[in-house]
């Protein structure tokens, strides 16, 4: 599609935007989409249009929101630019394209989480250190994921010991950014939340999981 871009982000906070038409002639062996350094890894890719906002969440409980237009389009072999400035062992864990009518679900490794209105995340400049999206402490653990949710959505939470739990988004409290959240799933000693996925319906009403 013309006037569409694919936006890619790495765990080290590097972002790249390329014209979707650059991927119109794929090869059986694949084609280069992004150059990645040895200590980095791609964690998410989304389709974005002009004037949309990009939301990134990090392991340390901070998030950043900025305009898609602040990232210039680059060729497939480019490395990208800084989107979210990481320090120490901090990493980006999620990327979403903002829908103003939805909420952001943030989930932590100790089974806590919450939904927060997108309006609470002010627009910032690309390349900053972000603002708090959830309190990270001994009770909560670190952030494992953040997803854009509507009341009609469901989520699946998976733990390191193979436990699965499915929740309705409407049953999760919507509260402010700088709070600790509520318990989403009980975890045992030594067990952590490994991943959170949104369950979506495709056009044929089949159930799918969006990581």
N, C-alpha and C. Protein backbone atom coordinates (compact mmCIF):
# COMPACT_ATOMS: atom_id res chain seq x y z
N UNK A 1 0.83 -1.20 0.00
CA UNK A 1 0.00 0.00 0.00
C UNK A 1 0.87 1.25 0.00
N UNK A 2 0.47 2.22 -0.78
CA UNK A 2 1.18 3.49 -0.79
C UNK A 2 0.86 4.29 0.46
N UNK A 3 1.78 5.19 0.83
CA UNK A 3 1.60 6.07 2.00
C UNK A 3 1.52 5.31 3.32
N UNK A 4 2.02 4.07 3.33
CA UNK A 4 2.10 3.28 4.56
C UNK A 4 3.57 2.99 4.84
N UNK A 5 3.90 2.89 6.11
CA UNK A 5 5.27 2.57 6.50
C UNK A 5 5.28 1.40 7.47
N UNK A 6 6.36 0.65 7.46
CA UNK A 6 6.58 -0.35 8.48
C UNK A 6 7.59 0.22 9.47
N UNK A 7 7.21 0.20 10.74
CA UNK A 7 8.05 0.75 11.81
C UNK A 7 8.60 -0.41 12.63
N UNK A 8 9.91 -0.44 12.81
CA UNK A 8 10.58 -1.50 13.56
C UNK A 8 11.33 -0.91 14.74
N UNK A 9 11.33 -1.62 15.87
CA UNK A 9 12.05 -1.13 17.04
C UNK A 9 12.82 -2.28 17.67
N UNK A 10 13.99 -1.98 18.24
CA UNK A 10 14.83 -2.98 18.87
C UNK A 10 14.83 -2.81 20.39
N UNK A 11 15.33 -3.82 21.08
CA UNK A 11 15.33 -3.77 22.55
C UNK A 11 16.23 -2.67 23.09
N UNK A 12 17.19 -2.21 22.30
CA UNK A 12 18.09 -1.13 22.72
C UNK A 12 17.53 0.25 22.42
N UNK A 13 16.28 0.31 21.93
CA UNK A 13 15.64 1.60 21.70
C UNK A 13 15.89 2.22 20.35
N UNK A 14 16.36 1.44 19.39
CA UNK A 14 16.58 1.93 18.03
C UNK A 14 15.31 1.72 17.21
N UNK A 15 14.92 2.73 16.46
CA UNK A 15 13.72 2.65 15.62
C UNK A 15 14.06 2.93 14.17
N UNK A 16 13.31 2.28 13.29
CA UNK A 16 13.51 2.50 11.87
C UNK A 16 12.16 2.47 11.18
N UNK A 17 11.98 3.38 10.23
CA UNK A 17 10.75 3.44 9.43
C UNK A 17 11.11 3.31 7.96
N UNK A 18 10.46 2.38 7.29
CA UNK A 18 10.70 2.17 5.86
C UNK A 18 9.37 2.15 5.13
N UNK A 19 9.39 2.61 3.89
CA UNK A 19 8.20 2.59 3.05
C UNK A 19 7.77 1.15 2.83
N UNK A 20 6.48 0.87 3.03
CA UNK A 20 5.98 -0.48 2.87
C UNK A 20 6.20 -1.00 1.45
N UNK A 21 6.24 -0.10 0.48
CA UNK A 21 6.47 -0.51 -0.91
C UNK A 21 7.87 -1.08 -1.12
N UNK A 22 8.80 -0.79 -0.21
CA UNK A 22 10.15 -1.34 -0.30
C UNK A 22 10.16 -2.86 -0.12
N UNK A 23 9.05 -3.39 0.39
CA UNK A 23 8.96 -4.83 0.65
C UNK A 23 7.97 -5.52 -0.30
N UNK A 24 7.71 -4.87 -1.42
CA UNK A 24 6.70 -5.38 -2.36
C UNK A 24 7.20 -6.53 -3.22
N UNK A 25 8.52 -6.76 -3.23
CA UNK A 25 9.07 -7.86 -4.04
C UNK A 25 9.94 -8.77 -3.17
N UNK A 26 9.33 -9.54 -2.27
CA UNK A 26 10.10 -10.40 -1.38
C UNK A 26 10.72 -11.58 -2.12
N UNK A 27 11.81 -12.10 -1.56
CA UNK A 27 12.49 -13.27 -2.13
C UNK A 27 12.23 -14.48 -1.25
N UNK A 28 12.30 -15.68 -1.81
CA UNK A 28 12.10 -16.89 -1.00
C UNK A 28 13.03 -16.97 0.20
N UNK A 29 14.24 -16.42 0.06
CA UNK A 29 15.22 -16.45 1.14
C UNK A 29 15.10 -15.26 2.08
N UNK A 30 14.13 -14.35 1.80
CA UNK A 30 13.96 -13.16 2.62
C UNK A 30 14.80 -12.00 2.11
N UNK A 31 14.52 -10.80 2.60
CA UNK A 31 15.28 -9.62 2.24
C UNK A 31 15.63 -8.84 3.50
N UNK A 32 16.69 -8.07 3.44
CA UNK A 32 17.13 -7.28 4.59
C UNK A 32 16.09 -6.21 4.92
N UNK A 33 15.70 -6.13 6.18
CA UNK A 33 14.76 -5.11 6.63
C UNK A 33 15.43 -4.12 7.58
N UNK A 34 16.45 -4.59 8.31
CA UNK A 34 17.07 -3.77 9.35
C UNK A 34 18.43 -4.34 9.71
N UNK A 35 19.44 -3.48 9.78
CA UNK A 35 20.75 -3.90 10.27
C UNK A 35 20.74 -3.81 11.80
N UNK A 36 21.12 -4.89 12.46
CA UNK A 36 21.07 -4.95 13.93
C UNK A 36 22.45 -5.26 14.49
N UNK A 37 22.84 -4.54 15.53
CA UNK A 37 24.13 -4.80 16.19
C UNK A 37 24.08 -6.12 16.95
N UNK A 38 25.24 -6.66 17.26
CA UNK A 38 25.34 -7.98 17.89
C UNK A 38 24.65 -8.06 19.25
N UNK A 39 24.64 -6.96 20.00
CA UNK A 39 24.04 -6.98 21.33
C UNK A 39 22.60 -6.50 21.33
N UNK A 40 21.99 -6.39 20.15
CA UNK A 40 20.62 -5.88 20.03
C UNK A 40 19.73 -6.93 19.37
N UNK A 41 18.41 -6.68 19.36
CA UNK A 41 17.47 -7.61 18.72
C UNK A 41 16.18 -6.88 18.39
N UNK A 42 15.56 -7.24 17.29
CA UNK A 42 14.26 -6.70 16.92
C UNK A 42 13.19 -7.24 17.87
N UNK A 43 12.33 -6.37 18.42
CA UNK A 43 11.30 -6.84 19.34
C UNK A 43 9.89 -6.60 18.83
N UNK A 44 9.71 -5.71 17.84
CA UNK A 44 8.37 -5.45 17.34
C UNK A 44 8.42 -4.72 16.01
N UNK A 45 7.37 -4.94 15.20
CA UNK A 45 7.19 -4.24 13.94
C UNK A 45 5.71 -3.95 13.76
N UNK A 46 5.37 -2.75 13.32
CA UNK A 46 3.98 -2.34 13.14
C UNK A 46 3.84 -1.54 11.84
N UNK A 47 2.63 -1.57 11.27
CA UNK A 47 2.31 -0.73 10.12
C UNK A 47 1.79 0.60 10.65
N UNK A 48 2.31 1.70 10.16
CA UNK A 48 1.92 3.02 10.64
C UNK A 48 1.63 3.95 9.47
N UNK A 49 0.73 4.89 9.71
CA UNK A 49 0.38 5.90 8.73
C UNK A 49 0.80 7.28 9.22
N UNK A 50 0.75 8.24 8.34
CA UNK A 50 1.15 9.60 8.66
C UNK A 50 0.31 10.16 9.80
N UNK A 51 0.95 10.91 10.70
CA UNK A 51 0.31 11.61 11.81
C UNK A 51 -0.09 10.71 12.98
N UNK A 52 0.26 9.42 12.94
CA UNK A 52 -0.02 8.55 14.08
C UNK A 52 1.08 8.69 15.12
N UNK A 53 0.79 8.31 16.36
CA UNK A 53 1.76 8.36 17.45
C UNK A 53 2.28 6.95 17.75
N UNK A 54 3.56 6.87 18.07
CA UNK A 54 4.21 5.61 18.44
C UNK A 54 4.40 5.58 19.95
N UNK A 55 4.12 4.43 20.54
CA UNK A 55 4.25 4.25 21.99
C UNK A 55 5.22 3.10 22.26
N UNK A 56 6.23 3.37 23.07
CA UNK A 56 7.21 2.35 23.46
C UNK A 56 7.22 2.21 24.97
N UNK A 57 7.26 0.97 25.45
CA UNK A 57 7.35 0.70 26.88
C UNK A 57 8.64 -0.04 27.18
N UNK A 58 9.25 0.28 28.32
CA UNK A 58 10.54 -0.31 28.68
C UNK A 58 10.44 -1.14 29.96
N UNK A 59 11.42 -1.99 30.14
CA UNK A 59 11.50 -2.92 31.27
C UNK A 59 11.48 -2.20 32.62
N UNK A 60 12.03 -0.98 32.69
CA UNK A 60 12.15 -0.26 33.95
C UNK A 60 10.90 0.51 34.36
N UNK A 61 9.77 0.30 33.64
CA UNK A 61 8.53 0.95 34.02
C UNK A 61 8.29 2.30 33.39
N UNK A 62 9.11 2.68 32.41
CA UNK A 62 8.91 3.95 31.73
C UNK A 62 8.41 3.72 30.30
N UNK A 63 7.80 4.77 29.74
CA UNK A 63 7.27 4.70 28.39
C UNK A 63 7.49 6.04 27.70
N UNK A 64 7.46 6.02 26.38
CA UNK A 64 7.62 7.25 25.61
C UNK A 64 6.64 7.23 24.45
N UNK A 65 6.09 8.40 24.15
CA UNK A 65 5.14 8.58 23.05
C UNK A 65 5.63 9.73 22.17
N UNK A 66 5.69 9.49 20.87
CA UNK A 66 6.15 10.53 19.96
C UNK A 66 5.52 10.34 18.59
N UNK A 67 5.57 11.37 17.77
CA UNK A 67 4.96 11.36 16.45
C UNK A 67 5.72 10.44 15.50
N UNK A 68 4.97 9.69 14.72
CA UNK A 68 5.57 8.85 13.68
C UNK A 68 6.38 9.69 12.71
N UNK A 69 5.95 10.93 12.48
CA UNK A 69 6.61 11.81 11.51
C UNK A 69 8.00 12.25 11.95
N UNK A 70 8.35 12.05 13.24
CA UNK A 70 9.69 12.44 13.71
C UNK A 70 10.75 11.41 13.33
N UNK A 71 10.32 10.29 12.76
CA UNK A 71 11.25 9.28 12.27
C UNK A 71 11.24 9.35 10.75
N UNK A 72 12.36 9.71 10.15
CA UNK A 72 12.39 9.84 8.69
C UNK A 72 12.46 8.47 8.04
N UNK A 73 11.87 8.31 6.86
CA UNK A 73 11.93 7.02 6.16
C UNK A 73 13.37 6.69 5.76
N UNK A 74 13.73 5.42 5.86
CA UNK A 74 15.08 4.96 5.51
C UNK A 74 14.99 3.74 4.63
N UNK A 75 16.06 3.48 3.89
CA UNK A 75 16.14 2.29 3.06
C UNK A 75 16.23 1.02 3.88
N UNK A 76 16.00 -0.12 3.23
CA UNK A 76 15.95 -1.39 3.94
C UNK A 76 17.24 -1.74 4.67
N UNK A 77 18.38 -1.34 4.16
CA UNK A 77 19.66 -1.73 4.76
C UNK A 77 20.15 -0.78 5.86
N UNK A 78 19.37 0.26 6.17
CA UNK A 78 19.77 1.22 7.20
C UNK A 78 19.60 0.63 8.60
N UNK A 79 20.26 1.26 9.59
CA UNK A 79 20.24 0.76 10.96
C UNK A 79 19.19 1.42 11.84
N UNK A 80 18.73 2.60 11.51
CA UNK A 80 17.75 3.29 12.32
C UNK A 80 18.34 4.38 13.19
N UNK A 81 17.49 4.98 14.03
CA UNK A 81 17.89 6.09 14.90
C UNK A 81 17.38 5.81 16.32
N UNK A 82 17.84 6.60 17.28
CA UNK A 82 17.44 6.40 18.67
C UNK A 82 16.00 6.87 18.87
N UNK A 83 15.17 6.00 19.43
CA UNK A 83 13.79 6.35 19.74
C UNK A 83 13.60 6.51 21.24
N UNK A 84 14.27 5.66 22.01
CA UNK A 84 14.09 5.60 23.46
C UNK A 84 15.47 5.36 24.05
N UNK A 85 15.96 6.31 24.83
CA UNK A 85 17.33 6.22 25.33
C UNK A 85 17.40 5.26 26.52
N UNK A 86 18.14 4.14 26.34
CA UNK A 86 18.25 3.12 27.36
C UNK A 86 19.51 3.32 28.20
N UNK A 87 19.42 3.00 29.50
CA UNK A 87 20.56 3.04 30.41
C UNK A 87 20.71 1.71 31.12
N UNK A 88 21.94 1.29 31.38
CA UNK A 88 22.18 0.04 32.10
C UNK A 88 21.60 -1.15 31.37
N UNK A 89 20.88 -2.02 32.12
CA UNK A 89 20.30 -3.22 31.52
C UNK A 89 18.85 -3.01 31.08
N UNK A 90 18.42 -1.76 31.02
CA UNK A 90 17.05 -1.48 30.59
C UNK A 90 16.85 -1.84 29.12
N UNK A 91 15.64 -2.29 28.77
CA UNK A 91 15.34 -2.68 27.38
C UNK A 91 13.92 -2.28 27.03
N UNK A 92 13.69 -2.01 25.76
CA UNK A 92 12.33 -1.81 25.26
C UNK A 92 11.66 -3.18 25.19
N UNK A 93 10.41 -3.28 25.66
CA UNK A 93 9.70 -4.56 25.65
C UNK A 93 8.49 -4.57 24.72
N UNK A 94 7.96 -3.37 24.37
CA UNK A 94 6.76 -3.33 23.54
C UNK A 94 6.70 -2.06 22.71
N UNK A 95 6.02 -2.16 21.55
CA UNK A 95 5.68 -1.00 20.74
C UNK A 95 4.23 -1.09 20.31
N UNK A 96 3.53 0.04 20.33
CA UNK A 96 2.16 0.11 19.84
C UNK A 96 1.98 1.40 19.04
N UNK A 97 1.01 1.39 18.12
CA UNK A 97 0.58 2.60 17.42
C UNK A 97 -0.67 3.09 18.14
N UNK A 98 -0.64 4.31 18.65
CA UNK A 98 -1.67 4.81 19.55
C UNK A 98 -3.04 4.96 18.87
N UNK A 99 -4.05 4.46 19.56
CA UNK A 99 -5.46 4.68 19.24
C UNK A 99 -6.03 5.44 20.42
N UNK A 100 -6.45 6.68 20.21
CA UNK A 100 -6.85 7.55 21.32
C UNK A 100 -8.03 7.01 22.11
N UNK A 101 -8.84 6.13 21.51
CA UNK A 101 -10.01 5.63 22.21
C UNK A 101 -9.70 4.39 23.04
N UNK A 102 -8.50 3.85 22.92
CA UNK A 102 -8.11 2.64 23.64
C UNK A 102 -7.35 3.00 24.92
N UNK A 103 -6.95 1.97 25.65
CA UNK A 103 -6.14 2.14 26.85
C UNK A 103 -4.86 1.33 26.69
N UNK A 104 -3.86 1.65 27.49
CA UNK A 104 -2.61 0.90 27.49
C UNK A 104 -2.61 -0.05 28.68
N UNK A 105 -2.51 -1.36 28.42
CA UNK A 105 -2.33 -2.34 29.47
C UNK A 105 -0.83 -2.54 29.69
N UNK A 106 -0.37 -2.37 30.92
CA UNK A 106 1.01 -2.65 31.28
C UNK A 106 1.03 -3.80 32.27
N UNK A 107 1.85 -4.83 32.00
CA UNK A 107 1.91 -6.01 32.86
C UNK A 107 3.35 -6.23 33.32
N UNK A 108 3.48 -6.74 34.56
CA UNK A 108 4.81 -6.93 35.14
C UNK A 108 5.11 -8.41 35.40
N UNK A 109 6.36 -8.68 35.69
CA UNK A 109 6.83 -10.06 35.84
C UNK A 109 6.26 -10.77 37.06
N UNK A 110 5.81 -10.03 38.07
CA UNK A 110 5.25 -10.64 39.28
C UNK A 110 3.73 -10.76 39.22
N UNK A 111 3.15 -10.53 38.06
CA UNK A 111 1.73 -10.77 37.88
C UNK A 111 0.82 -9.59 38.12
N UNK A 112 1.36 -8.39 38.20
CA UNK A 112 0.56 -7.19 38.41
C UNK A 112 0.42 -6.40 37.10
N UNK A 113 -0.57 -5.54 37.06
CA UNK A 113 -0.76 -4.73 35.87
C UNK A 113 -1.93 -3.79 36.01
N UNK A 114 -2.18 -3.03 34.95
CA UNK A 114 -3.27 -2.05 34.96
C UNK A 114 -3.48 -1.53 33.55
N UNK A 115 -4.63 -0.90 33.36
CA UNK A 115 -4.89 -0.16 32.13
C UNK A 115 -4.82 1.33 32.44
N UNK A 116 -4.28 2.11 31.50
CA UNK A 116 -4.17 3.55 31.67
C UNK A 116 -4.61 4.23 30.39
N UNK A 117 -5.38 5.30 30.50
CA UNK A 117 -5.85 6.04 29.33
C UNK A 117 -4.67 6.60 28.54
N UNK A 118 -4.76 6.55 27.23
CA UNK A 118 -3.66 7.04 26.39
C UNK A 118 -3.41 8.53 26.59
N UNK A 119 -4.46 9.27 27.00
CA UNK A 119 -4.30 10.71 27.21
C UNK A 119 -3.31 11.03 28.32
N UNK A 120 -3.04 10.07 29.21
CA UNK A 120 -2.10 10.32 30.30
C UNK A 120 -0.64 10.29 29.85
N UNK A 121 -0.42 9.84 28.63
CA UNK A 121 0.94 9.80 28.10
C UNK A 121 1.12 10.99 27.16
N UNK A 122 1.71 12.03 27.67
CA UNK A 122 1.90 13.22 26.84
C UNK A 122 2.89 12.94 25.73
N UNK A 123 2.75 13.67 24.67
CA UNK A 123 3.67 13.53 23.54
C UNK A 123 5.04 14.09 23.93
N UNK A 124 6.09 13.33 23.62
CA UNK A 124 7.46 13.74 23.92
C UNK A 124 8.29 13.76 22.64
N UNK A 125 9.50 14.24 22.77
CA UNK A 125 10.40 14.19 21.63
C UNK A 125 11.03 12.81 21.52
N UNK A 126 11.25 12.38 20.31
CA UNK A 126 11.93 11.10 20.09
C UNK A 126 13.33 11.14 20.68
N UNK A 127 13.75 10.03 21.31
CA UNK A 127 15.10 9.95 21.84
C UNK A 127 15.23 10.29 23.31
N UNK A 128 14.10 10.52 24.00
CA UNK A 128 14.13 10.84 25.42
C UNK A 128 14.20 9.60 26.30
N UNK A 129 14.08 9.81 27.62
CA UNK A 129 14.14 8.72 28.59
C UNK A 129 12.76 8.30 29.08
N UNK A 130 11.70 8.95 28.60
CA UNK A 130 10.35 8.53 28.91
C UNK A 130 9.82 9.00 30.25
N UNK A 131 8.57 8.61 30.51
CA UNK A 131 7.89 8.92 31.76
C UNK A 131 7.36 7.62 32.37
N UNK A 132 7.02 7.65 33.64
CA UNK A 132 6.57 6.43 34.33
C UNK A 132 5.24 5.94 33.76
N UNK A 133 5.16 4.64 33.47
CA UNK A 133 3.91 4.02 33.06
C UNK A 133 3.37 3.09 34.14
N UNK A 134 4.25 2.52 34.98
CA UNK A 134 3.85 1.71 36.13
C UNK A 134 5.01 1.68 37.11
N UNK A 135 4.71 1.59 38.39
CA UNK A 135 5.74 1.52 39.41
C UNK A 135 6.45 0.17 39.36
N UNK A 136 7.76 0.20 39.26
CA UNK A 136 8.58 -1.01 39.28
C UNK A 136 9.25 -1.12 40.65
N UNK A 137 8.95 -2.21 41.36
CA UNK A 137 9.51 -2.43 42.69
C UNK A 137 9.57 -3.92 42.97
N UNK A 138 9.91 -4.30 44.21
CA UNK A 138 10.03 -5.72 44.55
C UNK A 138 8.70 -6.46 44.40
N UNK A 139 7.60 -5.80 44.71
CA UNK A 139 6.29 -6.45 44.58
C UNK A 139 5.93 -6.71 43.12
N UNK A 140 6.12 -5.72 42.28
CA UNK A 140 5.71 -5.80 40.88
C UNK A 140 6.68 -6.55 39.98
N UNK A 141 7.97 -6.39 40.24
CA UNK A 141 8.96 -6.87 39.29
C UNK A 141 9.08 -5.90 38.12
N UNK A 142 9.69 -6.35 37.03
CA UNK A 142 9.89 -5.49 35.87
C UNK A 142 8.74 -5.62 34.88
N UNK A 143 8.66 -4.69 33.93
CA UNK A 143 7.61 -4.72 32.91
C UNK A 143 7.95 -5.79 31.87
N UNK A 144 6.96 -6.62 31.53
CA UNK A 144 7.16 -7.65 30.50
C UNK A 144 6.44 -7.31 29.20
N UNK A 145 5.46 -6.40 29.27
CA UNK A 145 4.75 -6.05 28.04
C UNK A 145 3.74 -4.95 28.25
N UNK A 146 3.38 -4.29 27.14
CA UNK A 146 2.35 -3.26 27.15
C UNK A 146 1.56 -3.38 25.85
N UNK A 147 0.24 -3.37 25.96
CA UNK A 147 -0.61 -3.55 24.79
C UNK A 147 -1.74 -2.53 24.77
N UNK A 148 -2.14 -2.14 23.57
CA UNK A 148 -3.28 -1.27 23.37
C UNK A 148 -4.55 -2.11 23.45
N UNK A 149 -5.49 -1.76 24.35
CA UNK A 149 -6.68 -2.57 24.55
C UNK A 149 -7.96 -1.74 24.52
N UNK A 150 -9.00 -2.31 23.93
CA UNK A 150 -10.35 -1.81 24.04
C UNK A 150 -11.11 -2.70 25.02
N UNK A 151 -12.27 -2.24 25.49
CA UNK A 151 -13.05 -3.02 26.45
C UNK A 151 -13.43 -4.40 25.91
N UNK A 152 -13.57 -4.53 24.60
CA UNK A 152 -14.01 -5.78 23.99
C UNK A 152 -12.88 -6.80 23.82
N UNK A 153 -11.63 -6.40 24.10
CA UNK A 153 -10.49 -7.29 23.89
C UNK A 153 -10.31 -8.26 25.05
N UNK A 154 -9.64 -9.37 24.76
CA UNK A 154 -9.19 -10.32 25.77
C UNK A 154 -7.67 -10.39 25.71
N UNK A 155 -7.05 -10.79 26.82
CA UNK A 155 -5.60 -10.99 26.83
C UNK A 155 -5.29 -12.38 27.38
N UNK A 156 -4.14 -12.89 26.99
CA UNK A 156 -3.63 -14.15 27.50
C UNK A 156 -2.30 -13.87 28.20
N UNK A 157 -2.18 -14.34 29.45
CA UNK A 157 -0.94 -14.18 30.21
C UNK A 157 -0.30 -15.56 30.37
N UNK A 158 0.99 -15.65 30.06
CA UNK A 158 1.73 -16.91 30.15
C UNK A 158 2.88 -16.77 31.13
N UNK A 159 3.08 -17.77 31.99
CA UNK A 159 4.15 -17.72 32.98
C UNK A 159 5.30 -18.65 32.60
N UNK A 160 6.40 -18.51 33.32
CA UNK A 160 7.59 -19.32 33.04
C UNK A 160 7.40 -20.78 33.38
N UNK A 161 6.35 -21.11 34.16
CA UNK A 161 6.07 -22.51 34.51
C UNK A 161 4.92 -23.09 33.68
N UNK A 162 4.58 -22.41 32.59
CA UNK A 162 3.58 -22.94 31.68
C UNK A 162 2.14 -22.65 32.05
N UNK A 163 1.90 -21.79 33.01
CA UNK A 163 0.53 -21.43 33.40
C UNK A 163 -0.04 -20.42 32.41
N UNK A 164 -1.31 -20.60 32.04
CA UNK A 164 -1.99 -19.67 31.15
C UNK A 164 -3.24 -19.15 31.82
N UNK A 165 -3.52 -17.87 31.65
CA UNK A 165 -4.77 -17.30 32.14
C UNK A 165 -5.29 -16.31 31.10
N UNK A 166 -6.59 -16.36 30.88
CA UNK A 166 -7.22 -15.45 29.93
C UNK A 166 -8.10 -14.46 30.69
N UNK A 167 -7.97 -13.18 30.38
CA UNK A 167 -8.72 -12.13 31.07
C UNK A 167 -9.45 -11.25 30.06
N UNK A 168 -10.61 -10.73 30.48
CA UNK A 168 -11.32 -9.72 29.70
C UNK A 168 -10.75 -8.35 30.05
N UNK A 169 -10.46 -7.56 29.04
CA UNK A 169 -9.89 -6.23 29.27
C UNK A 169 -10.78 -5.38 30.17
N UNK A 170 -12.09 -5.50 29.99
CA UNK A 170 -13.02 -4.67 30.77
C UNK A 170 -12.97 -4.97 32.26
N UNK A 171 -12.40 -6.14 32.63
CA UNK A 171 -12.32 -6.51 34.04
C UNK A 171 -11.04 -6.01 34.71
N UNK A 172 -10.16 -5.37 33.95
CA UNK A 172 -8.89 -4.85 34.48
C UNK A 172 -9.05 -3.37 34.79
N UNK A 173 -8.68 -2.96 35.99
CA UNK A 173 -8.86 -1.58 36.43
C UNK A 173 -8.10 -0.60 35.55
N UNK A 174 -8.74 0.55 35.27
CA UNK A 174 -8.10 1.65 34.55
C UNK A 174 -7.72 2.71 35.57
N UNK A 175 -6.43 2.89 35.77
CA UNK A 175 -5.93 3.82 36.79
C UNK A 175 -4.76 4.62 36.23
N UNK A 176 -4.24 5.55 37.02
CA UNK A 176 -3.21 6.47 36.56
C UNK A 176 -1.86 5.82 36.28
N UNK A 177 -0.98 6.60 35.65
CA UNK A 177 0.34 6.10 35.23
C UNK A 177 1.21 5.71 36.43
N UNK A 178 1.39 6.64 37.34
CA UNK A 178 2.36 6.46 38.42
C UNK A 178 1.74 5.71 39.60
N UNK A 179 1.24 4.50 39.31
CA UNK A 179 0.65 3.64 40.34
C UNK A 179 1.18 2.22 40.16
N UNK A 180 0.92 1.36 41.15
CA UNK A 180 1.50 0.02 41.14
C UNK A 180 0.66 -1.02 40.42
N UNK A 181 -0.63 -0.73 40.17
CA UNK A 181 -1.47 -1.68 39.49
C UNK A 181 -2.12 -2.69 40.43
N UNK A 182 -2.84 -3.65 39.85
CA UNK A 182 -3.56 -4.68 40.60
C UNK A 182 -3.06 -6.05 40.15
N UNK A 183 -3.39 -7.08 40.94
CA UNK A 183 -2.94 -8.42 40.57
C UNK A 183 -3.75 -8.96 39.39
N UNK A 184 -3.03 -9.41 38.36
CA UNK A 184 -3.66 -10.02 37.19
C UNK A 184 -3.61 -11.54 37.26
N UNK A 185 -2.53 -12.09 37.81
CA UNK A 185 -2.35 -13.53 37.89
C UNK A 185 -1.48 -13.85 39.11
N UNK A 186 -1.80 -14.94 39.79
CA UNK A 186 -0.99 -15.39 40.92
C UNK A 186 0.21 -16.18 40.41
N UNK A 187 1.39 -15.86 40.89
CA UNK A 187 2.59 -16.59 40.51
C UNK A 187 3.22 -17.20 41.76
N UNK A 188 3.77 -18.40 41.62
CA UNK A 188 4.42 -19.10 42.74
C UNK A 188 5.84 -18.60 42.92
N UNK A 189 6.47 -19.03 43.99
CA UNK A 189 7.88 -18.70 44.24
C UNK A 189 8.73 -19.19 43.07
N UNK A 190 9.54 -18.31 42.53
CA UNK A 190 10.39 -18.68 41.40
C UNK A 190 9.71 -18.62 40.05
N UNK A 191 8.41 -18.31 40.03
CA UNK A 191 7.65 -18.22 38.78
C UNK A 191 7.46 -16.76 38.41
N UNK A 192 7.50 -16.46 37.11
CA UNK A 192 7.31 -15.09 36.64
C UNK A 192 6.40 -15.10 35.42
N UNK A 193 5.83 -13.94 35.14
CA UNK A 193 5.10 -13.78 33.89
C UNK A 193 6.11 -13.68 32.77
N UNK A 194 5.95 -14.53 31.76
CA UNK A 194 6.89 -14.55 30.64
C UNK A 194 6.42 -13.69 29.49
N UNK A 195 5.10 -13.65 29.26
CA UNK A 195 4.59 -12.93 28.10
C UNK A 195 3.12 -12.59 28.28
N UNK A 196 2.72 -11.50 27.65
CA UNK A 196 1.31 -11.09 27.62
C UNK A 196 0.94 -10.85 26.17
N UNK A 197 -0.17 -11.44 25.73
CA UNK A 197 -0.59 -11.32 24.33
C UNK A 197 -2.05 -10.90 24.26
N UNK A 198 -2.37 -10.08 23.26
CA UNK A 198 -3.76 -9.69 23.03
C UNK A 198 -4.39 -10.67 22.05
N UNK A 199 -5.58 -11.14 22.37
CA UNK A 199 -6.31 -12.04 21.48
C UNK A 199 -7.20 -11.19 20.58
N UNK A 200 -7.04 -11.37 19.28
CA UNK A 200 -7.80 -10.56 18.32
C UNK A 200 -8.58 -11.47 17.39
N UNK A 201 -9.62 -10.92 16.78
CA UNK A 201 -10.42 -11.65 15.81
C UNK A 201 -10.05 -11.17 14.42
N UNK A 202 -9.87 -12.11 13.48
CA UNK A 202 -9.63 -11.70 12.11
C UNK A 202 -10.97 -11.55 11.40
N UNK A 203 -10.92 -11.29 10.10
CA UNK A 203 -12.14 -11.02 9.35
C UNK A 203 -13.08 -12.22 9.31
N UNK A 204 -12.55 -13.42 9.51
CA UNK A 204 -13.37 -14.62 9.48
C UNK A 204 -13.77 -15.05 10.88
N UNK A 205 -13.51 -14.15 11.85
CA UNK A 205 -13.89 -14.38 13.25
C UNK A 205 -13.15 -15.56 13.87
N UNK A 206 -11.98 -15.92 13.32
CA UNK A 206 -11.13 -16.90 13.96
C UNK A 206 -10.34 -16.20 15.05
N UNK A 207 -10.00 -16.91 16.12
CA UNK A 207 -9.25 -16.31 17.20
C UNK A 207 -7.77 -16.39 16.92
N UNK A 208 -7.07 -15.28 17.12
CA UNK A 208 -5.64 -15.22 16.93
C UNK A 208 -5.01 -14.52 18.12
N UNK A 209 -3.72 -14.73 18.28
CA UNK A 209 -3.00 -14.07 19.38
C UNK A 209 -2.01 -13.08 18.76
N UNK A 210 -2.06 -11.84 19.22
CA UNK A 210 -1.16 -10.81 18.75
C UNK A 210 -0.11 -10.54 19.79
N UNK A 211 1.15 -10.88 19.48
CA UNK A 211 2.24 -10.72 20.44
C UNK A 211 2.75 -9.28 20.40
